[in-house]
Protein backbone atom coordinates (compact mmCIF):
# COMPACT_ATOMS: atom_id res chain seq x y z
CA MET A 1 0.84 19.92 -31.30
CA GLY A 2 2.83 22.82 -32.58
CA GLY A 3 6.27 21.43 -31.72
CA TYR A 4 5.31 20.69 -28.12
CA GLY A 5 4.49 17.00 -28.61
CA PHE A 6 7.53 15.81 -26.68
CA TYR A 7 6.57 17.98 -23.70
CA VAL A 8 2.89 17.00 -23.84
CA TRP A 9 3.47 13.24 -24.16
CA GLY A 10 6.33 13.38 -21.66
CA SER A 11 3.98 15.00 -19.17
CA TYR A 12 1.42 12.26 -19.72
CA ILE A 13 4.07 9.57 -19.21
CA VAL A 14 5.42 11.15 -16.02
CA THR A 15 1.88 11.55 -14.65
CA PHE A 16 1.04 7.92 -15.46
CA ILE A 17 4.24 6.71 -13.76
CA CYS A 18 3.47 8.75 -10.64
CA ILE A 19 -0.10 7.47 -10.44
CA ALA A 20 1.01 3.86 -10.97
CA GLY A 21 3.70 4.31 -8.30
CA GLU A 22 1.13 5.65 -5.84
CA ILE A 23 -1.16 2.68 -6.48
CA ILE A 24 1.70 0.24 -5.91
CA LEU A 25 2.85 2.01 -2.73
CA ILE A 26 -0.69 2.14 -1.33
CA SER A 27 -1.30 -1.56 -2.00
CA ASN A 28 2.03 -2.48 -0.37
CA ARG A 29 1.20 -0.36 2.67
CA ARG A 30 -2.24 -1.96 2.93
CA ARG A 31 -0.75 -5.46 2.85
CA THR A 32 1.77 -4.47 5.53
CA LEU A 33 -0.96 -3.03 7.77
CA GLU A 34 -3.16 -6.10 7.30
CA ARG A 35 -0.23 -8.34 8.22
CA GLN A 36 0.54 -6.26 11.33
CA PHE A 37 -3.12 -6.23 12.35
CA SER A 38 -3.41 -9.98 11.99
CA LEU A 39 -0.27 -10.49 14.08
CA ILE A 40 -1.61 -8.19 16.81
CA HIS A 41 -5.00 -9.88 16.63
CA ASP A 42 -3.41 -13.34 16.93
CA LEU A 43 -1.27 -12.17 19.85
CA ASP A 44 -4.33 -10.79 21.65
CA ASN A 45 -6.17 -14.07 21.11
CA LYS A 46 -3.25 -16.07 22.54
CA GLU A 47 -3.04 -13.79 25.59
CA THR A 48 -6.79 -14.12 26.16
CA LYS A 49 -6.60 -17.93 25.92
CA ASN A 50 -3.66 -18.01 28.35
CA GLU A 51 -5.51 -15.83 30.87
CA THR A 52 -8.63 -17.99 30.80
CA THR A 53 -6.77 -21.31 31.09
CA SER A 54 -4.58 -20.36 34.04
């Protein structure tokens, strides 16, 4: 690699870490949004049941 091996492999490692970090952050955000959606959905269902029973 002509003396640039450290730079080349370091670039690969940094890129891999960034991509892995993005995947982790996206999956965490998805779980959070799914949890929030299910809470809102459950709340809407409870309000609908309360309106129909009263």
